[in-house]
Amino acid sequence: MKKLLLSVLVMSVAWSCSKDDDNTINNQDINYSKLPQEFPFTTLATVSGVDVINGGFGSGAAAHPTRKGEFYVITDRGPNTDYLNGKKFLTPNFTPTIMHFKINAEGKIEVIKYIKLKNPSGQPITGLPNPAGMGSTGEIAYDASGNVLGTDKYGLDSESIVAAPDGTFWVSDEYGPHIVHYSADGLELERISPIGVDTGNRKLPAVLAKRRANRGMEGLCITPDGKTLVGTMQSMMYVPSKALATNKTLTRIVTFDISTGKTKQYLYKQDGGASDSVCDITALSNNEFLVIERDGNFGTQGGIKKVYRINLSDATDVTGTDLAAVDGMKVNNKALEQCTWDELTTAGIKPVTKKLAVDLVAKLGYEHDKFEGIVYLGNNKLAVFNDDDFGVVDDGNGNPKAKILPKTGKVDKGTMYIVDIQ
């Protein structure tokens, strides 16, 4: 009995110390003074004499739900270039990957682990397109030599990540578009796609399947109450068709109740012109969020890289009465993407409100073209991340060349910054 009591006492003390250590970690101030910093990289492959770096971390970002100073960043489908009616996949077996890292006591980025995404059977997925009926965008996949590749029904063009309180992840993508639930080890638990896409039982509105190729659900976050996922469509969708969709500043925000599966949709009005991409989103409250709005240029070449505060409270839910309607809700027998903002206003439809929080080019001299990840740290401080495209871009002939930042003359690499916002 004495040994048992002693054992229990030792375990209690150990647990108490462990808990104290966790509290110390969670409550201590994190040293962000040494940012910006690049992520650590190795060479993934060499294609046509060009080094492809093992990067891409920054398509989306999320904070660890309980441990201050720890983050998750995710890649997209892997290094690729435009080719014919699709993409060359420079490393076809690449698996979309989550990187878990922290800012250590010295203020430096320290990788904790990499989590490769897997199908329900535990096999690593690829970034290859989905087959017809399962989220296909119509893109054809080729290898670096121009040979046609197959498809992957569990393939993902991952763009954003949510780190849930239970240790699991929610990931949005640009194929289906899908919202996929993964275990802490990266195993697929559920795939939520538009009605008409042959995946899981729970569904998104059918109209979302009319996203443009490579411009799907670019952003995803979870509300602070842990009940709702909020996703952003990157650009105007082709509703009812590419030829007939005319309101180029209109894109959509979709919410998904994790418990009930109920969805809502709201309209977002982009600034227009070159600013045509709404990327990552992070929550400030259950109704207020920060979103990225950007173009595709480098900062010194007229790039637009802004963050807006948006509020859903007074916005109109444009889901309509029929979730299976392929063109969604209509106004005057026209799809929303066919309507002018004046027509929508007359119909009583209000978009989300937006207010500038920060202009990264003006504030930081930000140079990266693909500003795609944000995490709100509190106290009006924001962590920002970029997608470096694995250090390569298309040379115009479907082959890779080094992706060079005009400002520095160096290869673009995923970098974490901290910026104050309004």
Protein backbone atom coordinates (compact mmCIF):
# COMPACT_ATOMS: atom_id res chain seq x y z
CA MET A 1 0.00 0.00 0.00
CA LYS A 2 2.87 2.38 0.84
CA LYS A 3 4.39 1.73 -2.59
CA LEU A 4 1.05 2.42 -4.24
CA LEU A 5 0.60 5.69 -2.36
CA LEU A 6 4.16 6.73 -3.19
CA SER A 7 3.57 5.92 -6.87
CA VAL A 8 0.38 7.96 -6.92
CA LEU A 9 2.18 10.86 -5.21
CA VAL A 10 5.03 10.80 -7.73
CA MET A 11 2.60 10.71 -10.66
CA SER A 12 0.60 13.60 -9.16
CA VAL A 13 3.71 15.72 -8.72
CA ALA A 14 4.88 14.89 -12.25
CA TRP A 15 1.47 15.82 -13.71
CA SER A 16 1.44 19.05 -11.72
CA CYS A 17 4.93 19.95 -12.96
CA SER A 18 3.95 19.10 -16.52
CA LYS A 19 0.85 21.27 -16.22
CA ASP A 20 2.92 24.13 -14.78
CA ASP A 21 5.40 23.77 -17.65
CA ASP A 22 2.55 23.93 -20.17
CA ASN A 23 1.15 27.05 -18.48
CA THR A 24 4.58 28.65 -18.53
CA ILE A 25 4.89 27.93 -22.26
CA ASN A 26 1.38 29.15 -22.98
CA ASN A 27 1.66 32.33 -20.94
CA GLN A 28 5.19 33.43 -21.72
CA ASP A 29 5.84 36.21 -24.21
CA ILE A 30 7.01 34.94 -27.59
CA ASN A 31 10.05 36.61 -29.07
CA TYR A 32 8.94 37.79 -32.51
CA SER A 33 11.68 40.42 -32.76
CA LYS A 34 13.82 38.33 -35.10
CA LEU A 35 11.14 38.06 -37.76
CA PRO A 36 10.87 38.13 -40.71
CA GLN A 37 12.50 34.74 -41.16
CA GLU A 38 12.55 32.21 -43.95
CA PHE A 39 11.51 28.63 -43.35
CA PRO A 40 14.28 26.01 -43.58
CA PHE A 41 14.48 24.34 -46.99
CA THR A 42 16.14 21.48 -48.83
CA THR A 43 16.09 20.69 -52.54
CA LEU A 44 13.05 18.61 -53.47
CA ALA A 45 14.15 17.90 -57.05
CA THR A 46 16.13 19.32 -59.93
CA VAL A 47 14.10 19.66 -63.12
CA SER A 48 15.64 20.91 -66.38
CA GLY A 49 18.61 22.11 -64.35
CA VAL A 50 16.41 24.16 -62.01
CA ASP A 51 16.27 23.44 -58.28
CA VAL A 52 12.78 22.91 -56.91
CA ILE A 53 12.85 23.63 -53.17
CA ASN A 54 10.93 21.63 -50.59
CA GLY A 55 8.79 24.67 -49.84
CA GLY A 56 5.28 25.79 -50.58
CA PHE A 57 4.53 26.20 -46.86
CA GLY A 58 2.34 29.28 -46.60
CA SER A 59 -0.64 28.57 -48.84
CA GLY A 60 -2.54 28.67 -45.58
CA ALA A 61 -1.68 29.08 -41.89
CA ALA A 62 -3.18 28.52 -38.46
CA ALA A 63 -2.13 28.94 -34.85
CA HIS A 64 -1.92 25.97 -32.52
CA PRO A 65 -5.24 26.09 -30.62
CA THR A 66 -3.64 26.09 -27.15
CA ARG A 67 0.14 26.51 -27.40
CA LYS A 68 1.22 30.09 -27.89
CA GLY A 69 4.01 30.58 -30.43
CA GLU A 70 3.25 27.36 -32.33
CA PHE A 71 1.82 27.35 -35.85
CA TYR A 72 0.80 25.16 -38.75
CA VAL A 73 1.39 26.03 -42.40
CA ILE A 74 0.32 23.95 -45.40
CA THR A 75 1.48 23.44 -48.97
CA ASP A 76 -0.72 23.32 -52.03
CA ARG A 77 -0.69 20.47 -54.58
CA GLY A 78 3.02 20.73 -55.30
CA PRO A 79 5.37 22.38 -57.81
CA ASN A 80 3.77 22.81 -61.23
CA THR A 81 3.83 24.83 -64.43
CA ASP A 82 1.17 25.64 -67.02
CA TYR A 83 1.14 23.23 -69.95
CA LEU A 84 -1.38 22.80 -72.78
CA ASN A 85 -4.82 22.27 -71.19
CA GLY A 86 -3.52 21.57 -67.73
CA LYS A 87 -0.43 21.49 -65.55
CA LYS A 88 2.94 19.85 -65.53
CA PHE A 89 3.45 18.29 -62.10
CA LEU A 90 7.21 18.50 -61.63
CA THR A 91 7.19 15.94 -58.80
CA PRO A 92 4.01 13.89 -59.42
CA ASN A 93 4.30 11.88 -56.20
CA PHE A 94 4.42 14.99 -54.03
CA THR A 95 2.11 14.77 -51.02
CA PRO A 96 0.44 17.94 -49.70
CA THR A 97 2.00 18.47 -46.29
CA ILE A 98 1.42 20.36 -43.03
CA MET A 99 4.45 21.80 -41.24
CA HIS A 100 4.16 22.27 -37.46
CA PHE A 101 6.68 24.77 -36.12
CA LYS A 102 7.31 27.11 -33.24
CA ILE A 103 9.14 30.31 -32.46
CA ASN A 104 11.73 29.07 -29.95
CA ALA A 105 13.28 30.87 -26.98
CA GLU A 106 15.89 32.43 -29.27
CA GLY A 107 13.17 33.84 -31.49
CA LYS A 108 13.97 31.48 -34.35
CA ILE A 109 11.70 29.27 -36.42
CA GLU A 110 12.05 25.66 -35.27
CA VAL A 111 10.29 22.87 -37.12
CA ILE A 112 8.52 20.41 -34.82
CA LYS A 113 7.29 17.93 -37.43
CA TYR A 114 5.84 17.42 -40.89
CA ILE A 115 2.43 15.80 -41.35
CA LYS A 116 1.72 14.28 -44.76
CA LEU A 117 -1.93 14.06 -45.79
CA LYS A 118 -3.30 10.55 -46.28
CA ASN A 119 -6.40 8.87 -47.69
CA PRO A 120 -8.80 6.96 -45.42
CA SER A 121 -6.67 3.82 -45.84
CA GLY A 122 -3.57 5.60 -44.59
CA GLN A 123 -1.80 5.94 -47.94
CA PRO A 124 -0.19 9.31 -48.80
CA ILE A 125 -2.29 11.30 -51.26
CA THR A 126 -0.94 13.35 -54.15
CA GLY A 127 -1.79 16.78 -55.49
CA LEU A 128 -2.99 15.29 -58.78
CA PRO A 129 -6.45 16.35 -59.99
CA ASN A 130 -9.60 14.50 -58.98
CA PRO A 131 -11.32 12.29 -61.57
CA ALA A 132 -14.56 13.36 -63.26
CA GLY A 133 -17.46 13.38 -60.84
CA MET A 134 -15.24 13.62 -57.77
CA GLY A 135 -14.12 17.24 -57.96
CA SER A 136 -12.42 17.51 -61.35
CA THR A 137 -11.62 20.98 -62.65
CA GLY A 138 -11.03 19.64 -66.16
CA GLU A 139 -7.28 20.15 -65.81
CA ILE A 140 -5.06 17.45 -67.33
CA ALA A 141 -1.98 16.44 -65.37
CA TYR A 142 1.34 15.91 -67.14
CA ASP A 143 4.78 14.96 -65.86
CA ALA A 144 7.84 17.14 -66.43
CA SER A 145 8.39 15.50 -69.83
CA GLY A 146 4.84 16.14 -71.01
CA ASN A 147 3.46 12.63 -70.50
CA VAL A 148 -0.15 12.41 -69.31
CA LEU A 149 -0.54 11.36 -65.68
CA GLY A 150 -3.54 9.84 -63.95
CA THR A 151 -5.88 11.29 -61.35
CA ASP A 152 -6.27 10.82 -57.60
CA LYS A 153 -9.76 10.64 -56.11
CA TYR A 154 -8.27 11.72 -52.79
CA GLY A 155 -6.00 14.31 -54.42
CA LEU A 156 -6.05 17.81 -52.98
CA ASP A 157 -5.00 21.26 -54.07
CA SER A 158 -4.87 22.36 -50.44
CA GLU A 159 -5.02 26.09 -49.79
CA SER A 160 -5.94 26.75 -46.17
CA ILE A 161 -5.87 25.02 -42.81
CA VAL A 162 -7.76 25.07 -39.53
CA ALA A 163 -6.20 23.58 -36.39
CA ALA A 164 -9.18 22.42 -34.33
CA PRO A 165 -9.18 22.26 -30.51
CA ASP A 166 -9.44 18.44 -30.64
CA GLY A 167 -6.13 18.18 -32.48
CA THR A 168 -7.63 17.47 -35.90
CA PHE A 169 -7.37 19.64 -39.02
CA TRP A 170 -9.82 21.03 -41.54
CA VAL A 171 -8.36 21.82 -44.96
CA SER A 172 -9.96 23.64 -47.91
CA ASP A 173 -8.96 23.14 -51.52
CA GLU A 174 -9.34 24.32 -55.10
CA TYR A 175 -10.47 21.13 -56.80
CA GLY A 176 -13.97 20.18 -55.59
CA PRO A 177 -13.84 22.58 -53.87
CA HIS A 178 -13.57 20.28 -50.88
CA ILE A 179 -13.38 20.84 -47.15
CA VAL A 180 -11.54 17.81 -45.78
CA HIS A 181 -11.31 16.76 -42.15
CA TYR A 182 -8.00 15.12 -41.20
CA SER A 183 -6.86 13.44 -38.01
CA ALA A 184 -3.90 14.77 -36.04
CA ASP A 185 -1.73 12.37 -38.07
CA GLY A 186 -3.14 13.52 -41.41
CA LEU A 187 -5.60 10.67 -42.07
CA GLU A 188 -8.73 11.68 -44.00
CA LEU A 189 -11.84 11.45 -41.80
CA GLU A 190 -14.43 13.21 -43.98
CA ARG A 191 -14.60 14.99 -47.32
CA ILE A 192 -17.30 17.65 -47.76
CA SER A 193 -17.97 18.72 -51.35
CA PRO A 194 -20.66 20.46 -53.41
CA ILE A 195 -23.87 18.59 -54.16
CA GLY A 196 -23.27 16.54 -57.30
CA VAL A 197 -19.69 15.66 -56.38
CA ASP A 198 -19.45 11.99 -55.47
CA THR A 199 -17.62 12.10 -52.14
CA GLY A 200 -19.02 12.08 -48.59
CA ASN A 201 -22.58 12.41 -47.31
CA ARG A 202 -22.43 15.99 -46.03
CA LYS A 203 -22.51 18.61 -48.75
CA LEU A 204 -21.79 22.20 -49.74
CA PRO A 205 -24.17 24.11 -52.05
CA ALA A 206 -24.04 22.84 -55.64
CA VAL A 207 -23.22 26.29 -57.03
CA LEU A 208 -19.72 26.18 -55.51
CA ALA A 209 -18.74 23.53 -58.07
CA LYS A 210 -18.70 26.37 -60.61
CA ARG A 211 -15.48 27.72 -59.14
CA ARG A 212 -12.81 28.53 -61.68
CA ALA A 213 -9.91 26.12 -62.06
CA ASN A 214 -7.15 27.08 -59.59
CA ARG A 215 -9.46 29.60 -57.90
CA GLY A 216 -11.49 27.52 -55.47
CA MET A 217 -11.82 27.73 -51.70
CA GLU A 218 -8.67 29.68 -51.00
CA GLY A 219 -9.33 30.50 -47.34
CA LEU A 220 -10.75 28.68 -44.32
CA CYS A 221 -11.01 29.41 -40.60
CA ILE A 222 -13.05 28.39 -37.59
CA THR A 223 -15.10 30.73 -35.39
CA PRO A 224 -13.83 31.21 -31.81
CA ASP A 225 -16.77 29.23 -30.43
CA GLY A 226 -15.52 26.23 -32.43
CA LYS A 227 -18.88 25.72 -34.12
CA THR A 228 -18.54 27.07 -37.66
CA LEU A 229 -16.08 26.83 -40.54
CA VAL A 230 -15.86 29.93 -42.73
CA GLY A 231 -14.44 29.63 -46.24
CA THR A 232 -13.61 32.17 -48.94
CA MET A 233 -13.84 31.57 -52.68
CA GLN A 234 -10.83 33.18 -54.31
CA SER A 235 -12.47 34.95 -57.25
CA MET A 236 -15.68 35.36 -59.17
CA MET A 237 -17.11 31.94 -60.03
CA TYR A 238 -18.32 31.06 -63.52
CA VAL A 239 -22.03 31.20 -62.72
CA PRO A 240 -23.93 30.41 -64.84
CA SER A 241 -20.98 30.14 -67.25
CA LYS A 242 -17.65 31.76 -68.07
CA ALA A 243 -19.23 33.79 -70.83
CA LEU A 244 -22.20 35.01 -68.80
CA ALA A 245 -20.58 35.76 -65.43
CA THR A 246 -19.86 39.49 -65.63
CA ASN A 247 -19.54 40.90 -62.10
CA LYS A 248 -15.79 40.40 -61.72
CA THR A 249 -15.68 41.96 -58.24
CA LEU A 250 -18.18 39.52 -56.73
CA THR A 251 -17.03 36.49 -54.83
CA ARG A 252 -18.57 34.37 -52.10
CA ILE A 253 -18.02 33.43 -48.47
CA VAL A 254 -19.53 30.15 -47.27
CA THR A 255 -20.12 29.04 -43.68
CA PHE A 256 -20.53 25.43 -42.56
CA ASP A 257 -21.98 24.45 -39.19
CA ILE A 258 -19.74 21.58 -38.07
CA SER A 259 -22.47 19.93 -36.00
CA THR A 260 -25.50 20.25 -38.26
CA GLY A 261 -23.91 20.64 -41.70
CA LYS A 262 -26.04 23.72 -42.40
CA THR A 263 -24.47 26.22 -44.79
CA LYS A 264 -24.87 29.92 -45.47
CA GLN A 265 -23.42 32.11 -48.21
CA TYR A 266 -22.50 35.78 -48.28
CA LEU A 267 -21.18 38.11 -50.95
CA TYR A 268 -17.83 39.88 -50.79
CA LYS A 269 -17.08 42.91 -52.98
CA GLN A 270 -13.48 43.00 -54.18
CA ASP A 271 -11.68 46.26 -54.86
CA GLY A 272 -11.56 45.45 -58.56
CA GLY A 273 -8.94 45.93 -61.22
CA ALA A 274 -5.93 43.74 -60.57
CA SER A 275 -7.12 43.03 -57.03
CA ASP A 276 -9.04 39.87 -57.84
CA SER A 277 -8.06 37.30 -55.23
CA VAL A 278 -9.51 36.81 -51.76
CA CYS A 279 -7.17 34.42 -50.00
CA ASP A 280 -6.83 33.36 -46.37
CA ILE A 281 -9.27 34.29 -43.60
CA THR A 282 -8.81 34.36 -39.83
CA ALA A 283 -11.42 34.99 -37.13
CA LEU A 284 -11.57 37.93 -34.71
CA SER A 285 -15.00 36.95 -33.35
CA ASN A 286 -17.90 34.78 -34.48
CA ASN A 287 -18.91 37.48 -36.97
CA GLU A 288 -15.78 39.54 -37.61
CA PHE A 289 -12.81 38.31 -39.61
CA LEU A 290 -9.63 39.38 -41.36
CA VAL A 291 -9.23 38.48 -45.04
CA ILE A 292 -6.45 38.82 -47.58
CA GLU A 293 -7.17 40.64 -50.82
CA ARG A 294 -4.39 40.72 -53.38
CA ASP A 295 -3.28 40.62 -57.00
CA GLY A 296 -0.57 38.47 -58.60
CA ASN A 297 2.23 41.03 -58.87
CA PHE A 298 5.38 41.48 -56.81
CA GLY A 299 5.35 44.38 -54.37
CA THR A 300 7.82 46.52 -56.31
CA GLN A 301 5.91 45.90 -59.53
CA GLY A 302 2.68 47.52 -58.38
CA GLY A 303 1.59 44.63 -56.22
CA ILE A 304 -1.58 44.90 -54.12
CA LYS A 305 -1.36 43.03 -50.80
CA LYS A 306 -4.02 44.14 -48.34
CA VAL A 307 -5.86 42.80 -45.31
CA TYR A 308 -9.44 43.85 -44.60
CA ARG A 309 -11.60 43.57 -41.51
CA ILE A 310 -14.95 42.17 -42.58
CA ASN A 311 -18.20 41.63 -40.70
CA LEU A 312 -20.95 39.18 -41.59
CA SER A 313 -23.54 40.50 -39.12
CA ASP A 314 -25.57 42.64 -41.53
CA ALA A 315 -24.78 40.73 -44.72
CA THR A 316 -27.52 38.89 -46.60
CA ASP A 317 -27.52 35.10 -46.70
CA VAL A 318 -27.69 34.33 -50.44
CA THR A 319 -27.97 30.56 -50.11
CA GLY A 320 -31.48 30.56 -51.53
CA THR A 321 -34.07 27.85 -51.02
CA ASP A 322 -32.53 25.10 -53.15
CA LEU A 323 -29.01 23.95 -52.23
CA ALA A 324 -29.00 21.69 -55.27
CA ALA A 325 -29.53 24.57 -57.73
CA VAL A 326 -26.41 24.54 -59.90
CA ASP A 327 -26.60 28.31 -60.44
CA GLY A 328 -27.62 29.09 -56.87
CA MET A 329 -29.95 31.86 -55.84
CA LYS A 330 -31.13 34.18 -58.62
CA VAL A 331 -32.21 37.82 -58.86
CA ASN A 332 -34.53 38.77 -61.71
CA ASN A 333 -33.88 35.30 -63.14
CA LYS A 334 -30.15 35.98 -63.26
CA ALA A 335 -27.33 34.35 -61.32
CA LEU A 336 -25.73 36.64 -58.76
CA GLU A 337 -22.50 36.79 -60.79
CA GLN A 338 -24.55 38.21 -63.68
CA CYS A 339 -25.95 41.06 -61.57
CA THR A 340 -24.44 44.49 -61.01
CA TRP A 341 -24.00 45.67 -57.44
CA ASP A 342 -26.80 48.19 -58.05
CA GLU A 343 -29.14 45.38 -59.05
CA LEU A 344 -28.20 43.42 -55.96
CA THR A 345 -28.73 46.46 -53.74
CA THR A 346 -32.15 47.06 -55.27
CA ALA A 347 -32.99 43.44 -54.49
CA GLY A 348 -32.10 44.07 -50.83
CA ILE A 349 -28.88 42.07 -50.90
CA LYS A 350 -26.03 43.41 -48.77
CA PRO A 351 -22.43 42.16 -49.03
CA VAL A 352 -20.22 41.82 -45.98
CA THR A 353 -18.82 45.12 -44.73
CA LYS A 354 -15.08 45.68 -45.11
CA LYS A 355 -12.53 48.11 -43.73
CA LEU A 356 -8.81 48.27 -44.47
CA ALA A 357 -6.68 46.77 -41.69
CA VAL A 358 -3.26 47.00 -43.32
CA ASP A 359 -1.58 47.52 -46.69
CA LEU A 360 1.51 45.30 -46.57
CA VAL A 361 3.29 46.97 -49.47
CA ALA A 362 2.92 50.40 -47.86
CA LYS A 363 3.63 49.16 -44.33
CA LEU A 364 6.44 46.65 -44.88
CA GLY A 365 7.57 47.12 -48.46
CA TYR A 366 6.23 43.57 -48.89
CA GLU A 367 7.62 41.96 -52.03
CA HIS A 368 6.14 38.45 -52.28
CA ASP A 369 3.51 37.98 -54.97
CA LYS A 370 1.50 35.22 -53.31
CA PHE A 371 0.57 36.58 -49.89
CA GLU A 372 -1.69 33.71 -48.81
CA GLY A 373 -1.60 33.00 -45.07
CA ILE A 374 -2.59 35.01 -41.98
CA VAL A 375 -2.90 34.30 -38.26
CA TYR A 376 -4.24 36.85 -35.79
CA LEU A 377 -2.03 36.98 -32.68
CA GLY A 378 -4.10 39.40 -30.62
CA ASN A 379 -3.28 42.99 -29.67
CA ASN A 380 -3.62 44.07 -33.31
CA LYS A 381 -0.67 41.96 -34.42
CA LEU A 382 -0.88 39.70 -37.44
CA ALA A 383 1.42 36.92 -38.65
CA VAL A 384 1.62 36.77 -42.44
CA PHE A 385 2.92 34.04 -44.75
CA ASN A 386 3.51 33.57 -48.47
CA ASP A 387 3.33 30.71 -50.95
CA ASP A 388 6.74 30.57 -52.63
CA ASP A 389 5.64 28.16 -55.40
CA PHE A 390 8.51 25.85 -54.39
CA GLY A 391 10.93 28.45 -55.75
CA VAL A 392 9.91 28.04 -59.40
CA VAL A 393 7.64 29.62 -61.99
CA ASP A 394 6.66 28.82 -65.56
CA ASP A 395 9.17 29.95 -68.20
CA GLY A 396 6.35 30.43 -70.72
CA ASN A 397 6.92 27.07 -72.36
CA GLY A 398 5.73 24.81 -69.57
CA ASN A 399 9.17 24.40 -68.06
CA PRO A 400 10.36 25.68 -64.67
CA LYS A 401 12.66 28.58 -64.00
CA ALA A 402 13.75 30.05 -60.69
CA LYS A 403 11.19 32.35 -59.07
CA ILE A 404 13.20 35.50 -58.36
CA LEU A 405 12.09 38.39 -56.18
CA PRO A 406 12.76 41.59 -58.19
CA LYS A 407 13.58 43.55 -55.04
CA THR A 408 16.35 41.24 -53.82
CA GLY A 409 17.34 39.20 -56.86
CA LYS A 410 17.00 36.08 -54.72
CA VAL A 411 14.78 33.01 -55.05
CA ASP A 412 11.41 33.47 -53.37
CA LYS A 413 11.11 31.44 -50.17
CA GLY A 414 8.34 31.04 -47.61
CA THR A 415 8.77 33.72 -44.97
CA MET A 416 6.96 34.65 -41.76
CA TYR A 417 6.42 38.31 -40.92
CA ILE A 418 4.65 40.13 -38.09
CA VAL A 419 2.75 43.33 -38.83
CA ASP A 420 0.63 45.74 -36.79
CA ILE A 421 -2.91 46.28 -38.10
CA GLN A 422 -5.55 48.93 -37.59
